C-alpha cells in the first residue's frame, strides 16, 4: 500500500474528530486502531491483512498518530493544520521501512521513550 493514510490511536474524542476532519479535507484516509490490533505489525494494519498477533503487546492510553506515505509537502500541510486546529498529538511517527515491521505496542514504546528523553533534554540512542 503506497497511498497516504493516518493511523490514529486513542483518539475517540473531540481532538480525534478534528483530525478526522483534517483528513477528510485533505482526502486522506484514516484508521482508528483498536487495542485488539496493537500486537499486529504496522505493515499488516496498513494492508488490512489478517495476520497472526505477535507476543509483543502492551496496552497504552496515550494518543498517537502514525503518518504513512505522505509527501514532504503533504506532511507539512497536515502538521500545520493540526496546529491550527489546536489538535496537538505529542506522539507522532512517520512510516519508515524499519518501523513498518513494528507492532503498534513497539512503536508506542519507541516513540514515547524518545519523547520523554527529549522532554528531559537527554540524547536519544
PDB file of N, CA and C in Angstrom:
ATOM      1  N   UNK A   1       0.844  -1.174   0.000  1.00  0.00           N
ATOM      2  CA  UNK A   1       0.000   0.000   0.000  1.00  0.00           C
ATOM      3  C   UNK A   1       0.890   1.239   0.000  1.00  0.00           C
ATOM      4  N   UNK A   2       0.687   2.077  -0.975  1.00  0.00           N
ATOM      5  CA  UNK A   2       1.508   3.273  -1.067  1.00  0.00           C
ATOM      6  C   UNK A   2       0.702   4.559  -1.031  1.00  0.00           C
ATOM      7  N   UNK A   3      -0.578   4.470  -0.717  1.00  0.00           N
ATOM      8  CA  UNK A   3      -1.353   5.699  -0.643  1.00  0.00           C
ATOM      9  C   UNK A   3      -1.251   6.273   0.769  1.00  0.00           C
ATOM     10  N   UNK A   4      -1.393   7.596   0.895  1.00  0.00           N
ATOM     11  CA  UNK A   4      -1.310   8.224   2.218  1.00  0.00           C
ATOM     12  C   UNK A   4      -2.434   7.737   3.130  1.00  0.00           C
ATOM     13  N   UNK A   5      -2.104   7.574   4.395  1.00  0.00           N
ATOM     14  CA  UNK A   5      -3.085   7.172   5.399  1.00  0.00           C
ATOM     15  C   UNK A   5      -2.566   7.586   6.777  1.00  0.00           C
ATOM     16  N   UNK A   6      -3.490   7.821   7.688  1.00  0.00           N
ATOM     17  CA  UNK A   6      -3.142   8.152   9.067  1.00  0.00           C
ATOM     18  C   UNK A   6      -3.733   7.075   9.966  1.00  0.00           C
ATOM     19  N   UNK A   7      -2.888   6.470  10.788  1.00  0.00           N
ATOM     20  CA  UNK A   7      -3.363   5.553  11.816  1.00  0.00           C
ATOM     21  C   UNK A   7      -3.510   6.348  13.100  1.00  0.00           C
ATOM     22  N   UNK A   8      -4.670   6.228  13.727  1.00  0.00           N
ATOM     23  CA  UNK A   8      -4.991   7.004  14.925  1.00  0.00           C
ATOM     24  C   UNK A   8      -5.149   6.062  16.112  1.00  0.00           C
ATOM     25  N   UNK A   9      -4.558   6.441  17.225  1.00  0.00           N
ATOM     26  CA  UNK A   9      -4.607   5.637  18.443  1.00  0.00           C
ATOM     27  C   UNK A   9      -5.175   6.480  19.584  1.00  0.00           C
ATOM     28  N   UNK A  10      -6.163   5.929  20.271  1.00  0.00           N
ATOM     29  CA  UNK A  10      -6.735   6.565  21.470  1.00  0.00           C
ATOM     30  C   UNK A  10      -7.223   7.988  21.202  1.00  0.00           C
ATOM     31  N   UNK A  11      -7.851   8.164  20.073  1.00  0.00           N
ATOM     32  CA  UNK A  11      -8.356   9.487  19.686  1.00  0.00           C
ATOM     33  C   UNK A  11      -9.858   9.434  19.415  1.00  0.00           C
ATOM     34  N   UNK A  12     -10.584   8.767  20.294  1.00  0.00           N
ATOM     35  CA  UNK A  12     -12.042   8.719  20.196  1.00  0.00           C
ATOM     36  C   UNK A  12     -12.589   9.864  21.041  1.00  0.00           C
ATOM     37  N   UNK A  13     -12.238  11.075  20.640  1.00  0.00           N
ATOM     38  CA  UNK A  13     -12.612  12.273  21.393  1.00  0.00           C
ATOM     39  C   UNK A  13     -12.733  13.447  20.424  1.00  0.00           C
ATOM     40  N   UNK A  14     -12.907  14.648  20.958  1.00  0.00           N
ATOM     41  CA  UNK A  14     -13.086  15.816  20.085  1.00  0.00           C
ATOM     42  C   UNK A  14     -11.824  16.112  19.276  1.00  0.00           C
ATOM     43  N   UNK A  15     -10.675  15.850  19.854  1.00  0.00           N
ATOM     44  CA  UNK A  15      -9.432  16.047  19.102  1.00  0.00           C
ATOM     45  C   UNK A  15      -9.378  15.086  17.921  1.00  0.00           C
ATOM     46  N   UNK A  16      -9.781  13.852  18.156  1.00  0.00           N
ATOM     47  CA  UNK A  16      -9.831  12.874  17.074  1.00  0.00           C
ATOM     48  C   UNK A  16     -10.787  13.300  15.980  1.00  0.00           C
ATOM     49  N   UNK A  17     -11.913  13.896  16.373  1.00  0.00           N
ATOM     50  CA  UNK A  17     -12.881  14.392  15.381  1.00  0.00           C
ATOM     51  C   UNK A  17     -12.244  15.495  14.527  1.00  0.00           C
ATOM     52  N   UNK A  18     -11.458  16.364  15.154  1.00  0.00           N
ATOM     53  CA  UNK A  18     -10.762  17.424  14.402  1.00  0.00           C
ATOM     54  C   UNK A  18      -9.768  16.817  13.414  1.00  0.00           C
ATOM     55  N   UNK A  19      -9.050  15.798  13.862  1.00  0.00           N
ATOM     56  CA  UNK A  19      -8.055  15.160  12.992  1.00  0.00           C
ATOM     57  C   UNK A  19      -8.753  14.466  11.821  1.00  0.00           C
ATOM     58  N   UNK A  20      -9.854  13.815  12.087  1.00  0.00           N
ATOM     59  CA  UNK A  20     -10.613  13.175  11.011  1.00  0.00           C
ATOM     60  C   UNK A  20     -11.102  14.210  10.007  1.00  0.00           C
ATOM     61  N   UNK A  21     -11.530  15.372  10.490  1.00  0.00           N
ATOM     62  CA  UNK A  21     -11.981  16.443   9.591  1.00  0.00           C
ATOM     63  C   UNK A  21     -10.825  16.932   8.719  1.00  0.00           C
ATOM     64  N   UNK A  22      -9.647  17.080   9.316  1.00  0.00           N
ATOM     65  CA  UNK A  22      -8.467  17.480   8.539  1.00  0.00           C
ATOM     66  C   UNK A  22      -8.194  16.434   7.463  1.00  0.00           C
ATOM     67  N   UNK A  23      -8.251  15.160   7.832  1.00  0.00           N
ATOM     68  CA  UNK A  23      -8.032  14.089   6.849  1.00  0.00           C
ATOM     69  C   UNK A  23      -9.058  14.160   5.723  1.00  0.00           C
ATOM     70  N   UNK A  24     -10.335  14.369   6.079  1.00  0.00           N
ATOM     71  CA  UNK A  24     -11.382  14.481   5.054  1.00  0.00           C
ATOM     72  C   UNK A  24     -11.081  15.633   4.101  1.00  0.00           C
ATOM     73  N   UNK A  25     -10.714  16.789   4.656  1.00  0.00           N
ATOM     74  CA  UNK A  25     -10.435  17.960   3.814  1.00  0.00           C
ATOM     75  C   UNK A  25      -9.245  17.736   2.897  1.00  0.00           C
ATOM     76  N   UNK A  26      -8.294  16.916   3.347  1.00  0.00           N
ATOM     77  CA  UNK A  26      -7.095  16.641   2.549  1.00  0.00           C
ATOM     78  C   UNK A  26      -7.242  15.359   1.717  1.00  0.00           C
ATOM     79  N   UNK A  27      -8.426  14.733   1.771  1.00  0.00           N
ATOM     80  CA  UNK A  27      -8.673  13.469   1.051  1.00  0.00           C
ATOM     81  C   UNK A  27      -7.682  12.378   1.455  1.00  0.00           C
ATOM     82  N   UNK A  28      -7.440  12.284   2.754  1.00  0.00           N
ATOM     83  CA  UNK A  28      -6.526  11.282   3.291  1.00  0.00           C
ATOM     84  C   UNK A  28      -7.341  10.281   4.108  1.00  0.00           C
ATOM     85  N   UNK A  29      -7.243   9.005   3.784  1.00  0.00           N
ATOM     86  CA  UNK A  29      -7.929   8.012   4.608  1.00  0.00           C
ATOM     87  C   UNK A  29      -7.285   7.927   5.995  1.00  0.00           C
ATOM     88  N   UNK A  30      -8.062   7.482   6.953  1.00  0.00           N
ATOM     89  CA  UNK A  30      -7.555   7.285   8.306  1.00  0.00           C
ATOM     90  C   UNK A  30      -8.143   6.000   8.851  1.00  0.00           C
ATOM     91  N   UNK A  31      -7.481   5.474   9.852  1.00  0.00           N
ATOM     92  CA  UNK A  31      -7.958   4.261  10.506  1.00  0.00           C
ATOM     93  C   UNK A  31      -7.748   4.426  11.998  1.00  0.00           C
ATOM     94  N   UNK A  32      -8.792   4.210  12.762  1.00  0.00           N
ATOM     95  CA  UNK A  32      -8.675   4.177  14.216  1.00  0.00           C
ATOM     96  C   UNK A  32      -8.256   2.759  14.590  1.00  0.00           C
ATOM     97  N   UNK A  33      -7.095   2.634  15.194  1.00  0.00           N
ATOM     98  CA  UNK A  33      -6.563   1.327  15.557  1.00  0.00           C
ATOM     99  C   UNK A  33      -7.131   0.926  16.914  1.00  0.00           C
ATOM    100  N   UNK A  34      -7.691  -0.249  16.964  1.00  0.00           N
ATOM    101  CA  UNK A  34      -8.282  -0.779  18.194  1.00  0.00           C
ATOM    102  C   UNK A  34      -7.205  -1.452  19.043  1.00  0.00           C
ATOM    103  N   UNK A  35      -7.422  -1.467  20.338  1.00  0.00           N
ATOM    104  CA  UNK A  35      -6.458  -2.092  21.249  1.00  0.00           C
ATOM    105  C   UNK A  35      -6.196  -3.551  20.880  1.00  0.00           C
ATOM    106  N   UNK A  36      -7.198  -4.224  20.367  1.00  0.00           N
ATOM    107  CA  UNK A  36      -7.035  -5.628  19.970  1.00  0.00           C
ATOM    108  C   UNK A  36      -6.068  -5.781  18.794  1.00  0.00           C
ATOM    109  N   UNK A  37      -5.735  -4.671  18.125  1.00  0.00           N
ATOM    110  CA  UNK A  37      -4.833  -4.701  16.971  1.00  0.00           C
ATOM    111  C   UNK A  37      -3.412  -4.258  17.321  1.00  0.00           C
ATOM    112  N   UNK A  38      -3.158  -3.911  18.579  1.00  0.00           N
ATOM    113  CA  UNK A  38      -1.849  -3.389  18.981  1.00  0.00           C
ATOM    114  C   UNK A  38      -0.712  -4.387  18.779  1.00  0.00           C
ATOM    115  N   UNK A  39      -1.009  -5.664  18.731  1.00  0.00           N
ATOM    116  CA  UNK A  39       0.051  -6.659  18.567  1.00  0.00           C
ATOM    117  C   UNK A  39       0.240  -7.080  17.105  1.00  0.00           C
ATOM    118  N   UNK A  40      -0.449  -6.409  16.195  1.00  0.00           N
ATOM    119  CA  UNK A  40      -0.240  -6.647  14.759  1.00  0.00           C
ATOM    120  C   UNK A  40       0.865  -5.729  14.261  1.00  0.00           C
ATOM    121  N   UNK A  41       1.605  -6.203  13.260  1.00  0.00           N
ATOM    122  CA  UNK A  41       2.640  -5.345  12.678  1.00  0.00           C
ATOM    123  C   UNK A  41       1.971  -4.182  11.929  1.00  0.00           C
ATOM    124  N   UNK A  42       2.639  -3.038  11.934  1.00  0.00           N
ATOM    125  CA  UNK A  42       2.129  -1.842  11.260  1.00  0.00           C
ATOM    126  C   UNK A  42       1.857  -2.152   9.783  1.00  0.00           C
ATOM    127  N   UNK A  43       2.781  -2.841   9.123  1.00  0.00           N
ATOM    128  CA  UNK A  43       2.585  -3.143   7.689  1.00  0.00           C
ATOM    129  C   UNK A  43       1.320  -3.963   7.473  1.00  0.00           C
ATOM    130  N   UNK A  44       0.986  -4.849   8.399  1.00  0.00           N
ATOM    131  CA  UNK A  44      -0.237  -5.638   8.263  1.00  0.00           C
ATOM    132  C   UNK A  44      -1.479  -4.777   8.505  1.00  0.00           C
ATOM    133  N   UNK A  45      -1.391  -3.855   9.456  1.00  0.00           N
ATOM    134  CA  UNK A  45      -2.508  -2.925   9.687  1.00  0.00           C
ATOM    135  C   UNK A  45      -2.767  -2.083   8.447  1.00  0.00           C
ATOM    136  N   UNK A  46      -1.693  -1.595   7.838  1.00  0.00           N
ATOM    137  CA  UNK A  46      -1.835  -0.729   6.667  1.00  0.00           C
ATOM    138  C   UNK A  46      -2.389  -1.481   5.469  1.00  0.00           C
ATOM    139  N   UNK A  47      -2.099  -2.740   5.384  1.00  0.00           N
ATOM    140  CA  UNK A  47      -2.577  -3.543   4.258  1.00  0.00           C
ATOM    141  C   UNK A  47      -3.907  -4.206   4.567  1.00  0.00           C
ATOM    142  N   UNK A  48      -4.434  -3.964   5.762  1.00  0.00           N
ATOM    143  CA  UNK A  48      -5.676  -4.593   6.218  1.00  0.00           C
ATOM    144  C   UNK A  48      -5.605  -6.106   6.097  1.00  0.00           C
ATOM    145  N   UNK A  49      -4.425  -6.649   6.351  1.00  0.00           N
ATOM    146  CA  UNK A  49      -4.238  -8.091   6.309  1.00  0.00           C
ATOM    147  C   UNK A  49      -4.627  -8.675   7.653  1.00  0.00           C
ATOM    148  N   UNK A  50      -5.253  -9.830   7.580  1.00  0.00           N
ATOM    149  CA  UNK A  50      -5.413 -10.547   8.835  1.00  0.00           C
ATOM    150  C   UNK A  50      -4.084 -11.261   9.040  1.00  0.00           C
ATOM    151  N   UNK A  51      -3.507 -11.021  10.170  1.00  0.00           N
ATOM    152  CA  UNK A  51      -2.193 -11.584  10.449  1.00  0.00           C
ATOM    153  C   UNK A  51      -2.201 -12.150  11.848  1.00  0.00           C
ATOM    154  N   UNK A  52      -1.205 -12.931  12.084  1.00  0.00           N
ATOM    155  CA  UNK A  52      -1.075 -13.524  13.403  1.00  0.00           C
ATOM    156  C   UNK A  52      -0.606 -12.456  14.391  1.00  0.00           C
ATOM    157  N   UNK A  53      -1.241 -12.409  15.543  1.00  0.00           N
ATOM    158  CA  UNK A  53      -0.804 -11.494  16.585  1.00  0.00           C
ATOM    159  C   UNK A  53       0.555 -11.935  17.092  1.00  0.00           C
ATOM    160  N   UNK A  54       1.396 -10.972  17.387  1.00  0.00           N
ATOM    161  CA  UNK A  54       2.696 -11.306  17.950  1.00  0.00           C
ATOM    162  C   UNK A  54       2.579 -11.305  19.469  1.00  0.00           C
ATOM    163  N   UNK A  55       3.645 -11.704  20.106  1.00  0.00           N
ATOM    164  CA  UNK A  55       3.675 -11.687  21.569  1.00  0.00           C
ATOM    165  C   UNK A  55       3.964 -10.282  22.087  1.00  0.00           C
ATOM    166  N   UNK A  56       4.306  -9.371  21.168  1.00  0.00           N
ATOM    167  CA  UNK A  56       4.665  -8.008  21.551  1.00  0.00           C
ATOM    168  C   UNK A  56       3.397  -7.189  21.755  1.00  0.00           C
ATOM    169  N   UNK A  57       2.857  -7.251  22.950  1.00  0.00           N
ATOM    170  CA  UNK A  57       1.662  -6.481  23.255  1.00  0.00           C
ATOM    171  C   UNK A  57       1.842  -5.778  24.581  1.00  0.00           C
ATOM    172  N   UNK A  58       1.623  -4.496  24.537  1.00  0.00           N
ATOM    173  CA  UNK A  58       1.473  -3.739  25.773  1.00  0.00           C
ATOM    174  C   UNK A  58       0.394  -2.713  25.491  1.00  0.00           C
ATOM    175  N   UNK A  59      -0.471  -2.567  26.447  1.00  0.00           N
ATOM    176  CA  UNK A  59      -1.584  -1.640  26.314  1.00  0.00           C
ATOM    177  C   UNK A  59      -1.076  -0.226  26.594  1.00  0.00           C
ATOM    178  N   UNK A  60      -1.636   0.742  25.923  1.00  0.00           N
ATOM    179  CA  UNK A  60      -1.308   2.134  26.222  1.00  0.00           C
ATOM    180  C   UNK A  60      -2.534   2.984  25.979  1.00  0.00           C
ATOM    181  N   UNK A  61      -2.578   4.115  26.655  1.00  0.00           N
ATOM    182  CA  UNK A  61      -3.730   5.006  26.541  1.00  0.00           C
ATOM    183  C   UNK A  61      -3.368   6.373  25.972  1.00  0.00           C
ATOM    184  N   UNK A  62      -2.086   6.597  25.725  1.00  0.00           N
ATOM    185  CA  UNK A  62      -1.670   7.879  25.160  1.00  0.00           C
ATOM    186  C   UNK A  62      -2.152   7.988  23.715  1.00  0.00           C
ATOM    187  N   UNK A  63      -2.431   9.214  23.314  1.00  0.00           N
ATOM    188  CA  UNK A  63      -2.799   9.475  21.921  1.00  0.00           C
ATOM    189  C   UNK A  63      -1.549   9.343  21.059  1.00  0.00           C
ATOM    190  N   UNK A  64      -1.728   8.793  19.861  1.00  0.00           N
ATOM    191  CA  UNK A  64      -0.596   8.601  18.963  1.00  0.00           C
ATOM    192  C   UNK A  64      -1.093   8.607  17.523  1.00  0.00           C
ATOM    193  N   UNK A  65      -0.247   9.102  16.637  1.00  0.00           N
ATOM    194  CA  UNK A  65      -0.526   9.080  15.197  1.00  0.00           C
ATOM    195  C   UNK A  65       0.631   8.413  14.470  1.00  0.00           C
ATOM    196  N   UNK A  66       0.308   7.616  13.477  1.00  0.00           N
ATOM    197  CA  UNK A  66       1.307   7.131  12.536  1.00  0.00           C
ATOM    198  C   UNK A  66       0.899   7.677  11.178  1.00  0.00           C
ATOM    199  N   UNK A  67       1.795   8.401  10.571  1.00  0.00           N
ATOM    200  CA  UNK A  67       1.529   9.065   9.293  1.00  0.00           C
ATOM    201  C   UNK A  67       2.291   8.294   8.214  1.00  0.00           C
ATOM    202  N   UNK A  68       1.554   7.767   7.248  1.00  0.00           N
ATOM    203  CA  UNK A  68       2.167   6.886   6.255  1.00  0.00           C
ATOM    204  C   UNK A  68       2.025   7.432   4.842  1.00  0.00           C
ATOM    205  N   UNK A  69       3.121   7.340   4.103  1.00  0.00           N
ATOM    206  CA  UNK A  69       3.147   7.601   2.654  1.00  0.00           C
ATOM    207  C   UNK A  69       2.773   9.026   2.273  1.00  0.00           C
ATOM    208  N   UNK A  70       3.162   9.990   3.087  1.00  0.00           N
ATOM    209  CA  UNK A  70       2.929  11.400   2.784  1.00  0.00           C
ATOM    210  C   UNK A  70       4.138  11.969   2.040  1.00  0.00           C
ATOM    211  N   UNK A  71       3.885  12.841   1.085  1.00  0.00           N
ATOM    212  CA  UNK A  71       4.977  13.617   0.508  1.00  0.00           C
ATOM    213  C   UNK A  71       5.408  14.644   1.559  1.00  0.00           C
ATOM    214  N   UNK A  72       6.549  15.231   1.396  1.00  0.00           N
ATOM    215  CA  UNK A  72       7.024  16.242   2.347  1.00  0.00           C
ATOM    216  C   UNK A  72       6.036  17.401   2.430  1.00  0.00           C
ATOM    217  N   UNK A  73       5.545  17.851   1.288  1.00  0.00           N
ATOM    218  CA  UNK A  73       4.570  18.954   1.238  1.00  0.00           C
ATOM    219  C   UNK A  73       3.289  18.581   1.992  1.00  0.00           C
ATOM    220  N   UNK A  74       2.797  17.369   1.743  1.00  0.00           N
ATOM    221  CA  UNK A  74       1.572  16.912   2.394  1.00  0.00           C
ATOM    222  C   UNK A  74       1.770  16.815   3.912  1.00  0.00           C
ATOM    223  N   UNK A  75       2.931  16.307   4.326  1.00  0.00           N
ATOM    224  CA  UNK A  75       3.230  16.198   5.752  1.00  0.00           C
ATOM    225  C   UNK A  75       3.257  17.576   6.409  1.00  0.00           C
ATOM    226  N   UNK A  76       3.940  18.509   5.772  1.00  0.00           N
ATOM    227  CA  UNK A  76       3.998  19.878   6.315  1.00  0.00           C
ATOM    228  C   UNK A  76       2.605  20.487   6.418  1.00  0.00           C
ATOM    229  N   UNK A  77       1.794  20.291   5.391  1.00  0.00           N
ATOM    230  CA  UNK A  77       0.432  20.819   5.383  1.00  0.00           C
ATOM    231  C   UNK A  77      -0.400  20.176   6.494  1.00  0.00           C
ATOM    232  N   UNK A  78      -0.290  18.861   6.644  1.00  0.00           N
ATOM    233  CA  UNK A  78      -1.040  18.143   7.668  1.00  0.00           C
ATOM    234  C   UNK A  78      -0.651  18.637   9.068  1.00  0.00           C
ATOM    235  N   UNK A  79       0.638  18.743   9.323  1.00  0.00           N
ATOM    236  CA  UNK A  79       1.102  19.202  10.641  1.00  0.00           C
ATOM    237  C   UNK A  79       0.680  20.641  10.917  1.00  0.00           C
ATOM    238  N   UNK A  80       0.707  21.471   9.894  1.00  0.00           N
ATOM    239  CA  UNK A  80       0.270  22.864  10.049  1.00  0.00           C
ATOM    240  C   UNK A  80      -1.221  22.915  10.389  1.00  0.00           C
ATOM    241  N   UNK A  81      -2.006  22.068   9.725  1.00  0.00           N
ATOM    242  CA  UNK A  81      -3.443  22.032  10.003  1.00  0.00           C
ATOM    243  C   UNK A  81      -3.732  21.502  11.413  1.00  0.00           C
ATOM    244  N   UNK A  82      -2.955  20.518  11.866  1.00  0.00           N
ATOM    245  CA  UNK A  82      -3.110  20.041  13.239  1.00  0.00           C
ATOM    246  C   UNK A  82      -2.892  21.179  14.228  1.00  0.00           C
ATOM    247  N   UNK A  83      -1.863  21.936  13.988  1.00  0.00           N
ATOM    248  CA  UNK A  83      -1.542  23.055  14.870  1.00  0.00           C
ATOM    249  C   UNK A  83      -2.641  24.116  14.836  1.00  0.00           C
ATOM    250  N   UNK A  84      -3.082  24.468  13.651  1.00  0.00           N
ATOM    251  CA  UNK A  84      -4.136  25.482  13.503  1.00  0.00           C
ATOM    252  C   UNK A  84      -5.444  25.045  14.154  1.00  0.00           C
ATOM    253  N   UNK A  85      -5.734  23.756  14.102  1.00  0.00           N
ATOM    254  CA  UNK A  85      -6.976  23.230  14.672  1.00  0.00           C
ATOM    255  C   UNK A  85      -6.857  23.002  16.176  1.00  0.00           C
ATOM    256  N   UNK A  86      -5.685  23.313  16.717  1.00  0.00           N
ATOM    257  CA  UNK A  86      -5.422  23.076  18.148  1.00  0.00           C
ATOM    258  C   UNK A  86      -5.725  21.616  18.502  1.00  0.00           C
ATOM    259  N   UNK A  87      -5.122  20.736  17.691  1.00  0.00           N
ATOM    260  CA  UNK A  87      -5.289  19.297  17.882  1.00  0.00           C
ATOM    261  C   UNK A  87      -3.909  18.643  18.028  1.00  0.00           C
ATOM    262  N   UNK A  88      -3.155  19.059  19.061  1.00  0.00           N
ATOM    263  CA  UNK A  88      -1.797  18.514  19.201  1.00  0.00           C
ATOM    264  C   UNK A  88      -1.811  17.058  19.655  1.00  0.00           C
ATOM    265  N   UNK A  89      -0.943  16.282  19.059  1.00  0.00           N
ATOM    266  CA  UNK A  89      -0.723  14.902  19.480  1.00  0.00           C
ATOM    267  C   UNK A  89       0.784  14.791  19.696  1.00  0.00           C
ATOM    268  N   UNK A  90       1.177  14.550  20.922  1.00  0.00           N
ATOM    269  CA  UNK A  90       2.605  14.544  21.251  1.00  0.00           C
ATOM    270  C   UNK A  90       3.347  13.397  20.582  1.00  0.00           C
ATOM    271  N   UNK A  91       2.706  12.249  20.487  1.00  0.00           N
ATOM    272  CA  UNK A  91       3.375  11.068  19.934  1.00  0.00           C
ATOM    273  C   UNK A  91       2.958  10.871  18.481  1.00  0.00           C
ATOM    274  N   UNK A  92       3.897  11.211  17.594  1.00  0.00           N
ATOM    275  CA  UNK A  92       3.662  11.077  16.156  1.00  0.00           C
ATOM    276  C   UNK A  92       4.861  10.372  15.549  1.00  0.00           C
ATOM    277  N   UNK A  93       4.591   9.563  14.546  1.00  0.00           N
ATOM    278  CA  UNK A  93       5.672   8.898  13.818  1.00  0.00           C
ATOM    279  C   UNK A  93       5.315   8.894  12.340  1.00  0.00           C
ATOM    280  N   UNK A  94       6.345   8.892  11.531  1.00  0.00           N
ATOM    281  CA  UNK A  94       6.193   8.745  10.093  1.00  0.00           C
ATOM    282  C   UNK A  94       6.620   7.320   9.752  1.00  0.00           C
ATOM    283  N   UNK A  95       5.871   6.671   8.898  1.00  0.00           N
ATOM    284  CA  UNK A  95       6.181   5.300   8.497  1.00  0.00           C
ATOM    285  C   UNK A  95       7.548   5.238   7.831  1.00  0.00           C
ATOM    286  N   UNK A  96       8.335   4.282   8.263  1.00  0.00           N
ATOM    287  CA  UNK A  96       9.627   4.011   7.631  1.00  0.00           C
ATOM    288  C   UNK A  96       9.702   2.522   7.319  1.00  0.00           C
ATOM    289  N   UNK A  97      10.688   2.160   6.549  1.00  0.00           N
ATOM    290  CA  UNK A  97      10.899   0.751   6.243  1.00  0.00           C
ATOM    291  C   UNK A  97      11.151  -0.025   7.546  1.00  0.00           C
ATOM    292  N   UNK A  98      11.859   0.595   8.455  1.00  0.00           N
ATOM    293  CA  UNK A  98      12.209  -0.037   9.734  1.00  0.00           C
ATOM    294  C   UNK A  98      10.991  -0.206  10.636  1.00  0.00           C
ATOM    295  N   UNK A  99      10.233   0.884  10.872  1.00  0.00           N
ATOM    296  CA  UNK A  99       9.128   0.784  11.829  1.00  0.00           C
ATOM    297  C   UNK A  99       7.883   0.117  11.249  1.00  0.00           C
ATOM    298  N   UNK A 100       7.852  -0.122   9.963  1.00  0.00           N
ATOM    299  CA  UNK A 100       6.705  -0.821   9.379  1.00  0.00           C
ATOM    300  C   UNK A 100       6.599  -2.253   9.901  1.00  0.00           C
ATOM    301  N   UNK A 101       7.700  -2.781  10.409  1.00  0.00           N
ATOM    302  CA  UNK A 101       7.714  -4.144  10.946  1.00  0.00           C
ATOM    303  C   UNK A 101       7.431  -4.176  12.444  1.00  0.00           C
ATOM    304  N   UNK A 102       7.311  -3.009  13.065  1.00  0.00           N
ATOM    305  CA  UNK A 102       6.977  -2.925  14.481  1.00  0.00           C
ATOM    306  C   UNK A 102       5.502  -3.239  14.684  1.00  0.00           C
ATOM    307  N   UNK A 103       5.173  -3.676  15.874  1.00  0.00           N
ATOM    308  CA  UNK A 103       3.771  -3.694  16.285  1.00  0.00           C
ATOM    309  C   UNK A 103       3.441  -2.295  16.782  1.00  0.00           C
ATOM    310  N   UNK A 104       2.171  -2.002  16.931  1.00  0.00           N
ATOM    311  CA  UNK A 104       1.782  -0.701  17.484  1.00  0.00           C
ATOM    312  C   UNK A 104       2.348  -0.530  18.891  1.00  0.00           C
ATOM    313  N   UNK A 105       2.365  -1.607  19.660  1.00  0.00           N
ATOM    314  CA  UNK A 105       2.919  -1.547  21.018  1.00  0.00           C
ATOM    315  C   UNK A 105       4.392  -1.170  20.989  1.00  0.00           C
ATOM    316  N   UNK A 106       5.161  -1.790  20.093  1.00  0.00           N
ATOM    317  CA  UNK A 106       6.592  -1.471  19.995  1.00  0.00           C
ATOM    318  C   UNK A 106       6.789  -0.042  19.509  1.00  0.00           C
ATOM    319  N   UNK A 107       6.003   0.377  18.524  1.00  0.00           N
ATOM    320  CA  UNK A 107       6.103   1.747  18.035  1.00  0.00           C
ATOM    321  C   UNK A 107       5.833   2.728  19.175  1.00  0.00           C
ATOM    322  N   UNK A 108       4.790   2.470  19.939  1.00  0.00           N
ATOM    323  CA  UNK A 108       4.476   3.331  21.080  1.00  0.00           C
ATOM    324  C   UNK A 108       5.648   3.383  22.059  1.00  0.00           C
ATOM    325  N   UNK A 109       6.194   2.229  22.407  1.00  0.00           N
ATOM    326  CA  UNK A 109       7.314   2.196  23.358  1.00  0.00           C
ATOM    327  C   UNK A 109       8.507   2.987  22.833  1.00  0.00           C
ATOM    328  N   UNK A 110       8.797   2.863  21.555  1.00  0.00           N
ATOM    329  CA  UNK A 110       9.924   3.579  20.950  1.00  0.00           C
ATOM    330  C   UNK A 110       9.712   5.093  20.971  1.00  0.00           C
ATOM    331  N   UNK A 111       8.568   5.540  20.451  1.00  0.00           N
ATOM    332  CA  UNK A 111       8.409   6.993  20.336  1.00  0.00           C
ATOM    333  C   UNK A 111       8.089   7.644  21.675  1.00  0.00           C
ATOM    334  N   UNK A 112       7.470   6.922  22.599  1.00  0.00           N
ATOM    335  CA  UNK A 112       7.243   7.527  23.910  1.00  0.00           C
ATOM    336  C   UNK A 112       8.564   7.655  24.659  1.00  0.00           C
ATOM    337  N   UNK A 113       9.479   6.692  24.498  1.00  0.00           N
ATOM    338  CA  UNK A 113      10.811   6.799  25.109  1.00  0.00           C
ATOM    339  C   UNK A 113      11.567   7.983  24.526  1.00  0.00           C
ATOM    340  N   UNK A 114      11.514   8.132  23.201  1.00  0.00           N
ATOM    341  CA  UNK A 114      12.180   9.263  22.548  1.00  0.00           C
ATOM    342  C   UNK A 114      11.585  10.586  23.013  1.00  0.00           C
ATOM    343  N   UNK A 115      10.261  10.634  23.085  1.00  0.00           N
ATOM    344  CA  UNK A 115       9.574  11.856  23.505  1.00  0.00           C
ATOM    345  C   UNK A 115       9.975  12.236  24.935  1.00  0.00           C
ATOM    346  N   UNK A 116       9.987  11.258  25.827  1.00  0.00           N
ATOM    347  CA  UNK A 116      10.366  11.517  27.218  1.00  0.00           C
ATOM    348  C   UNK A 116      11.819  11.952  27.334  1.00  0.00           C
ATOM    349  N   UNK A 117      12.709  11.337  26.552  1.00  0.00           N
ATOM    350  CA  UNK A 117      14.119  11.726  26.573  1.00  0.00           C
ATOM    351  C   UNK A 117      14.290  13.164  26.092  1.00  0.00           C
ATOM    352  N   UNK A 118      13.574  13.527  25.038  1.00  0.00           N
ATOM    353  CA  UNK A 118      13.649  14.900  24.535  1.00  0.00           C
ATOM    354  C   UNK A 118      13.133  15.905  25.562  1.00  0.00           C
ATOM    355  N   UNK A 119      12.049  15.550  26.245  1.00  0.00           N
ATOM    356  CA  UNK A 119      11.494  16.444  27.274  1.00  0.00           C
ATOM    357  C   UNK A 119      12.493  16.648  28.411  1.00  0.00           C
ATOM    358  N   UNK A 120      13.293  15.628  28.693  1.00  0.00           N
ATOM    359  CA  UNK A 120      14.272  15.713  29.772  1.00  0.00           C
ATOM    360  C   UNK A 120      15.616  16.233  29.302  1.00  0.00           C
ATOM    361  N   UNK A 121      15.715  16.548  28.004  1.00  0.00           N
ATOM    362  CA  UNK A 121      16.942  17.094  27.461  1.00  0.00           C
ATOM    363  C   UNK A 121      18.046  16.071  27.280  1.00  0.00           C
ATOM    364  N   UNK A 122      17.686  14.801  27.213  1.00  0.00           N
ATOM    365  CA  UNK A 122      18.671  13.749  27.029  1.00  0.00           C
ATOM    366  C   UNK A 122      18.841  13.431  25.562  1.00  0.00           C
ATOM    367  N   UNK A 123      19.980  12.820  25.238  1.00  0.00           N
ATOM    368  CA  UNK A 123      20.172  12.389  23.865  1.00  0.00           C
ATOM    369  C   UNK A 123      19.487  11.047  23.659  1.00  0.00           C
ATOM    370  N   UNK A 124      19.112  10.805  22.420  1.00  0.00           N
ATOM    371  CA  UNK A 124      18.391   9.584  22.067  1.00  0.00           C
ATOM    372  C   UNK A 124      19.356   8.649  21.343  1.00  0.00           C
ATOM    373  N   UNK A 125      19.334   7.409  21.740  1.00  0.00           N
ATOM    374  CA  UNK A 125      20.149   6.336  21.156  1.00  0.00           C
ATOM    375  C   UNK A 125      21.601   6.704  21.307  1.00  0.00           C
TER     376      UNK A 125
END
